Amino acid sequence: MAGLTLHKTDFFAFSTQSVAVADRYPQSVFAEHTHDFCELVVVWRGNGLHVLNGRPYRITRGDLFYIRADDCHSYASVNDLVLQNIIWCPERFRLRVNWDEMIPNMAQQRAWRLSSQGMSLARQVIGLLELESVRRDTLSQSMAEALFLQILLLLQRHRYLPEQIEGQETEGGALDRLITALAGSLSAPFDLEAFCAVQQCSVRTLRQQFRQQTGMTVGQYLRQLRICHAQYLLRHTAMRISEVAMQCGFEDSNYFSVVFTRESGASPSQWRQREEGSASEPVLTRAGL
């Protein structure tokens, strides 16, 4: 359990405010913590490491997280990471809405992706929510909750699972589908030229767009995804290191150990021993992408 708890008295403007927007422009390294409120995280640009309940996620534009009050998370290895947190206190809601139906079952799925179209639409409504939520009159607070409900519905319409390729929207889709395809290529080689041929787009243009939006090259991002997956497997399974390497797209376990050590600051075996010895210790990887 994290030693740091963030309290609603420090993040909400007044005692009856039910929903608020917390900008992170940019999000800096932040120690492991919990809250006494709920949180929705939308990543707009850059990249970083988000560790949620001991599981590392390499995050970039379009990543979306639903965080419960008792969840434990942290940020590390950030690189121009820009995100917004929408925070709320369920016990303060005025509108008679079944809010549980609007939010996915967070015990089953916390991490999602948001399409480019969904990001554009959500950004507009979040801006309105940010203005309305700080006003103290009853009507404004009801308006803020109505805007929050609109955001939740937009997210339901435009979100998808990180590895889900089928059914994505075409607007802004090449970049969206590339990030999704990379998430689905943890154990298999990825051919960017073949991907662009199928998508009928320019390899050079997509490379430039990817780097502009994420702050990483395609290869760096895929490598970070695989290392995060390796960390998860080392912590939560009894797989041998050679098996972990294969599951993470490394045919040579020695090369896997070299890459893992460079990115994590410890060899796979050392990392596993450290995590077994301290289950509450935050998972960190080195910056310097």
Protein backbone atom coordinates (compact mmCIF):
# COMPACT_ATOMS: atom_id res chain seq x y z
CA MET A 1 0.00 0.00 0.00
CA ALA A 2 1.26 3.45 -0.88
CA GLY A 3 2.30 5.72 1.96
CA LEU A 4 0.97 8.86 0.23
CA THR A 5 -2.77 9.58 0.09
CA LEU A 6 -4.20 12.52 -1.86
CA HIS A 7 -7.20 14.09 -0.13
CA LYS A 8 -10.25 15.69 -1.69
CA THR A 9 -9.81 18.76 0.53
CA ASP A 10 -6.65 19.59 -1.43
CA PHE A 11 -8.07 19.04 -4.92
CA PHE A 12 -11.67 20.24 -4.81
CA ALA A 13 -12.42 23.96 -4.60
CA PHE A 14 -15.20 23.60 -2.02
CA SER A 15 -16.78 20.91 0.13
CA THR A 16 -19.80 20.24 -2.11
CA GLN A 17 -17.95 20.16 -5.44
CA SER A 18 -18.62 16.75 -6.96
CA VAL A 19 -16.43 16.81 -10.08
CA ALA A 20 -13.35 18.80 -11.11
CA VAL A 21 -10.59 18.89 -13.74
CA ALA A 22 -6.92 18.71 -12.75
CA ASP A 23 -4.54 19.68 -15.56
CA ARG A 24 -1.09 18.13 -15.77
CA TYR A 25 0.82 20.26 -18.31
CA PRO A 26 3.15 18.45 -18.10
CA GLN A 27 2.82 15.54 -15.70
CA SER A 28 6.02 15.15 -13.73
CA VAL A 29 7.34 12.09 -11.93
CA PHE A 30 4.87 11.35 -9.13
CA ALA A 31 5.39 8.92 -6.26
CA GLU A 32 3.14 5.96 -5.57
CA HIS A 33 -0.13 7.16 -4.05
CA THR A 34 -3.84 6.56 -3.49
CA HIS A 35 -6.78 9.00 -3.25
CA ASP A 36 -9.98 9.41 -1.30
CA PHE A 37 -11.72 10.28 -4.61
CA CYS A 38 -12.02 8.66 -8.07
CA GLU A 39 -10.07 9.72 -11.12
CA LEU A 40 -10.26 9.50 -14.90
CA VAL A 41 -6.92 9.94 -16.73
CA VAL A 42 -6.76 11.05 -20.38
CA VAL A 43 -3.30 11.28 -21.98
CA TRP A 44 -2.96 13.94 -24.69
CA ARG A 45 0.73 13.86 -25.67
CA GLY A 46 4.20 12.58 -24.83
CA ASN A 47 4.99 9.39 -22.97
CA GLY A 48 5.72 7.99 -19.55
CA LEU A 49 5.46 4.97 -17.31
CA HIS A 50 2.20 4.60 -15.40
CA VAL A 51 2.26 1.93 -12.70
CA LEU A 52 -1.25 0.97 -11.58
CA ASN A 53 -1.62 -1.52 -8.71
CA GLY A 54 1.84 -2.86 -9.44
CA ARG A 55 1.31 -3.27 -13.19
CA PRO A 56 3.44 -1.05 -15.48
CA TYR A 57 1.89 0.60 -18.54
CA ARG A 58 3.90 2.53 -21.10
CA ILE A 59 1.49 5.36 -21.88
CA THR A 60 1.19 7.88 -24.68
CA ARG A 61 -1.48 9.93 -26.51
CA GLY A 62 -4.92 8.35 -26.41
CA ASP A 63 -4.39 6.22 -23.32
CA LEU A 64 -7.30 6.25 -20.92
CA PHE A 65 -7.50 5.00 -17.33
CA TYR A 66 -10.32 4.69 -14.80
CA ILE A 67 -8.88 4.91 -11.27
CA ARG A 68 -10.76 3.91 -8.12
CA ALA A 69 -10.24 5.67 -4.81
CA ASP A 70 -8.39 2.69 -3.35
CA ASP A 71 -6.13 2.14 -6.36
CA CYS A 72 -2.40 2.68 -6.00
CA HIS A 73 -0.50 4.28 -8.90
CA SER A 74 2.52 6.37 -9.84
CA TYR A 75 4.26 8.03 -12.80
CA ALA A 76 7.90 7.61 -13.79
CA SER A 77 10.20 8.05 -16.80
CA VAL A 78 8.05 10.88 -18.14
CA ASN A 79 8.90 12.67 -21.38
CA ASP A 80 6.74 15.72 -22.21
CA LEU A 81 3.78 13.82 -20.76
CA VAL A 82 0.59 15.90 -20.98
CA LEU A 83 -2.61 14.59 -19.43
CA GLN A 84 -5.78 15.67 -17.68
CA ASN A 85 -7.38 14.12 -14.63
CA ILE A 86 -11.12 14.34 -14.16
CA ILE A 87 -11.74 13.70 -10.49
CA TRP A 88 -15.02 13.04 -8.75
CA CYS A 89 -16.61 12.19 -5.40
CA PRO A 90 -19.54 9.79 -5.99
CA GLU A 91 -21.15 10.62 -2.65
CA ARG A 92 -21.52 14.30 -3.69
CA PHE A 93 -23.46 13.81 -6.93
CA ARG A 94 -26.78 15.64 -7.18
CA LEU A 95 -28.14 14.26 -10.45
CA ARG A 96 -30.09 11.03 -10.14
CA VAL A 97 -28.06 8.99 -12.59
CA ASN A 98 -26.94 5.39 -12.32
CA TRP A 99 -23.27 6.40 -12.43
CA ASP A 100 -22.11 2.81 -12.09
CA GLU A 101 -23.60 2.09 -15.51
CA MET A 102 -21.62 4.95 -17.05
CA ILE A 103 -18.24 3.72 -15.81
CA PRO A 104 -16.82 0.33 -16.85
CA ASN A 105 -16.39 -2.42 -14.29
CA MET A 106 -13.06 -1.18 -12.97
CA ALA A 107 -12.35 -4.49 -11.28
CA GLN A 108 -12.05 -6.04 -14.75
CA GLN A 109 -10.71 -3.37 -17.13
CA ARG A 110 -8.88 -0.16 -16.20
CA ALA A 111 -6.76 0.60 -19.26
CA TRP A 112 -8.36 1.67 -22.54
CA ARG A 113 -7.49 3.56 -25.72
CA LEU A 114 -9.38 6.60 -26.99
CA SER A 115 -9.63 7.26 -30.74
CA SER A 116 -8.46 10.54 -32.28
CA GLN A 117 -12.05 11.53 -32.95
CA GLY A 118 -13.00 10.71 -29.37
CA MET A 119 -10.07 12.76 -28.08
CA SER A 120 -11.16 15.78 -30.09
CA LEU A 121 -14.75 15.58 -28.88
CA ALA A 122 -13.82 14.88 -25.26
CA ARG A 123 -11.34 17.76 -25.13
CA GLN A 124 -14.10 20.25 -25.97
CA VAL A 125 -16.46 19.00 -23.25
CA ILE A 126 -13.65 18.77 -20.68
CA GLY A 127 -12.93 22.45 -21.35
CA LEU A 128 -16.55 23.33 -20.59
CA LEU A 129 -16.49 21.16 -17.47
CA GLU A 130 -13.35 22.90 -16.24
CA LEU A 131 -15.10 26.29 -16.42
CA GLU A 132 -18.43 25.18 -14.98
CA SER A 133 -17.21 23.00 -12.13
CA VAL A 134 -15.56 25.82 -10.16
CA ARG A 135 -18.76 27.85 -9.92
CA ARG A 136 -20.46 27.39 -6.57
CA ASP A 137 -24.16 27.81 -7.36
CA THR A 138 -26.42 24.76 -7.44
CA LEU A 139 -27.30 25.10 -11.12
CA SER A 140 -23.63 25.23 -12.15
CA GLN A 141 -22.85 22.14 -10.11
CA SER A 142 -25.69 20.28 -11.81
CA MET A 143 -24.40 21.53 -15.16
CA ALA A 144 -20.92 20.23 -14.27
CA GLU A 145 -22.34 16.79 -13.49
CA ALA A 146 -24.28 16.83 -16.78
CA LEU A 147 -21.06 17.63 -18.65
CA PHE A 148 -19.28 14.83 -16.80
CA LEU A 149 -22.07 12.47 -17.85
CA GLN A 150 -21.58 13.61 -21.46
CA ILE A 151 -17.85 12.88 -21.21
CA LEU A 152 -18.50 9.40 -19.85
CA LEU A 153 -20.90 8.68 -22.73
CA LEU A 154 -18.39 9.99 -25.28
CA LEU A 155 -15.75 7.72 -23.80
CA GLN A 156 -18.10 4.75 -24.00
CA ARG A 157 -18.64 5.44 -27.69
CA HIS A 158 -15.04 6.10 -28.71
CA ARG A 159 -12.90 3.93 -26.43
CA TYR A 160 -11.54 0.52 -27.30
CA LEU A 161 -9.25 -2.06 -25.74
CA PRO A 162 -5.51 -1.43 -26.24
CA GLU A 163 -5.08 -4.48 -28.49
CA GLN A 164 -8.42 -4.18 -30.33
CA ILE A 165 -7.83 -3.33 -34.00
CA GLU A 166 -11.15 -4.18 -35.60
CA GLY A 167 -13.94 -1.62 -35.49
CA GLN A 168 -11.82 1.47 -34.98
CA GLU A 169 -12.86 4.73 -36.59
CA THR A 170 -11.11 5.85 -39.75
CA GLU A 171 -10.74 9.53 -38.81
CA GLY A 172 -7.20 9.92 -37.51
CA GLY A 173 -7.14 6.16 -37.78
CA ALA A 174 -3.67 5.43 -39.16
CA LEU A 175 -1.95 6.57 -35.98
CA ASP A 176 -4.61 5.00 -33.77
CA ARG A 177 -4.33 1.68 -35.58
CA LEU A 178 -0.53 1.79 -35.47
CA ILE A 179 -0.47 2.20 -31.69
CA THR A 180 -3.04 -0.59 -31.37
CA ALA A 181 -1.12 -2.86 -33.74
CA LEU A 182 2.03 -2.33 -31.68
CA ALA A 183 0.15 -3.29 -28.50
CA GLY A 184 -0.87 -6.50 -30.27
CA SER A 185 2.70 -7.28 -31.35
CA LEU A 186 4.30 -7.98 -27.98
CA SER A 187 5.39 -11.49 -28.93
CA ALA A 188 5.67 -11.22 -32.73
CA PRO A 189 7.79 -9.14 -35.11
CA PHE A 190 6.26 -5.91 -36.40
CA ASP A 191 6.79 -4.70 -39.97
CA LEU A 192 6.00 -0.99 -40.27
CA GLU A 193 6.32 -0.96 -44.06
CA ALA A 194 3.86 -3.83 -44.40
CA PHE A 195 1.49 -2.08 -41.99
CA CYS A 196 1.63 1.15 -44.02
CA ALA A 197 1.05 -0.77 -47.24
CA VAL A 198 -2.17 -2.19 -45.81
CA GLN A 199 -3.21 1.21 -44.44
CA GLN A 200 -2.25 2.92 -47.71
CA CYS A 201 -0.24 5.60 -45.96
CA SER A 202 3.32 6.94 -46.13
CA VAL A 203 5.88 5.26 -43.86
CA ARG A 204 7.80 8.51 -43.47
CA THR A 205 4.70 10.58 -42.68
CA LEU A 206 3.44 8.07 -40.12
CA ARG A 207 6.87 7.87 -38.47
CA GLN A 208 6.95 11.66 -38.16
CA GLN A 209 3.40 11.84 -36.84
CA PHE A 210 4.10 9.10 -34.31
CA ARG A 211 7.20 10.83 -32.97
CA GLN A 212 5.50 14.23 -32.85
CA GLN A 213 2.58 12.89 -30.81
CA THR A 214 4.37 10.40 -28.56
CA GLY A 215 7.93 11.72 -28.24
CA MET A 216 9.30 8.29 -29.23
CA THR A 217 10.15 6.38 -32.37
CA VAL A 218 8.02 3.39 -33.28
CA GLY A 219 10.83 1.03 -32.30
CA GLN A 220 11.38 2.70 -28.93
CA TYR A 221 7.68 2.52 -28.10
CA LEU A 222 7.40 -1.17 -29.04
CA ARG A 223 10.51 -2.00 -27.00
CA GLN A 224 9.06 -0.19 -23.98
CA LEU A 225 5.75 -2.04 -24.35
CA ARG A 226 7.61 -5.34 -24.37
CA ILE A 227 9.71 -4.45 -21.33
CA CYS A 228 6.57 -3.43 -19.41
CA HIS A 229 4.98 -6.75 -20.35
CA ALA A 230 8.13 -8.58 -19.25
CA GLN A 231 8.03 -6.81 -15.89
CA TYR A 232 4.42 -7.88 -15.44
CA LEU A 233 5.22 -11.52 -16.30
CA LEU A 234 8.26 -11.59 -14.03
CA ARG A 235 6.22 -10.27 -11.14
CA HIS A 236 2.99 -12.21 -11.60
CA THR A 237 4.01 -15.55 -13.12
CA ALA A 238 6.56 -18.29 -12.46
CA MET A 239 7.74 -18.35 -16.09
CA ARG A 240 11.41 -18.93 -16.69
CA ILE A 241 13.31 -15.94 -18.03
CA SER A 242 13.71 -17.64 -21.42
CA GLU A 243 9.92 -18.10 -21.57
CA VAL A 244 9.34 -14.46 -20.65
CA ALA A 245 11.74 -13.43 -23.39
CA MET A 246 9.78 -15.43 -25.98
CA GLN A 247 6.47 -14.02 -24.78
CA CYS A 248 7.89 -10.52 -25.22
CA GLY A 249 9.22 -10.92 -28.74
CA PHE A 250 12.86 -11.81 -27.95
CA GLU A 251 14.04 -15.06 -29.52
CA ASP A 252 17.44 -14.72 -27.81
CA SER A 253 17.11 -14.69 -24.02
CA ASN A 254 20.62 -13.27 -23.65
CA TYR A 255 19.73 -10.29 -25.83
CA PHE A 256 16.50 -9.92 -23.86
CA SER A 257 18.52 -9.73 -20.62
CA VAL A 258 20.78 -7.06 -22.12
CA VAL A 259 17.82 -4.90 -23.24
CA PHE A 260 15.89 -5.46 -20.02
CA THR A 261 18.90 -4.49 -17.89
CA ARG A 262 19.50 -1.36 -19.95
CA GLU A 263 15.87 -0.24 -19.70
CA SER A 264 15.11 -1.33 -16.12
CA GLY A 265 18.42 -0.86 -14.35
CA ALA A 266 18.50 -4.50 -13.21
CA SER A 267 18.70 -7.90 -14.86
CA PRO A 268 15.45 -9.91 -15.18
CA SER A 269 16.43 -12.20 -12.30
CA GLN A 270 17.47 -9.28 -10.10
CA TRP A 271 14.28 -7.44 -10.93
CA ARG A 272 12.14 -10.46 -10.03
CA GLN A 273 13.97 -10.97 -6.73
CA ARG A 274 13.55 -7.32 -5.85
CA GLU A 275 9.82 -7.40 -6.59
CA GLU A 276 9.32 -10.60 -4.62
CA GLY A 277 11.12 -9.03 -1.69
CA SER A 278 9.09 -5.84 -1.79
CA ALA A 279 5.69 -6.21 -3.44
CA SER A 280 4.79 -2.60 -2.68
CA GLU A 281 7.90 -1.11 -4.26
CA PRO A 282 7.08 1.01 -7.37
CA VAL A 283 8.14 -0.42 -10.73
CA LEU A 284 10.59 2.00 -12.36
CA THR A 285 12.32 2.07 -15.67
CA ARG A 286 15.02 4.44 -16.73
CA ALA A 287 14.31 7.61 -18.60
CA GLY A 288 16.46 8.57 -21.55
CA LEU A 289 14.43 7.28 -24.44
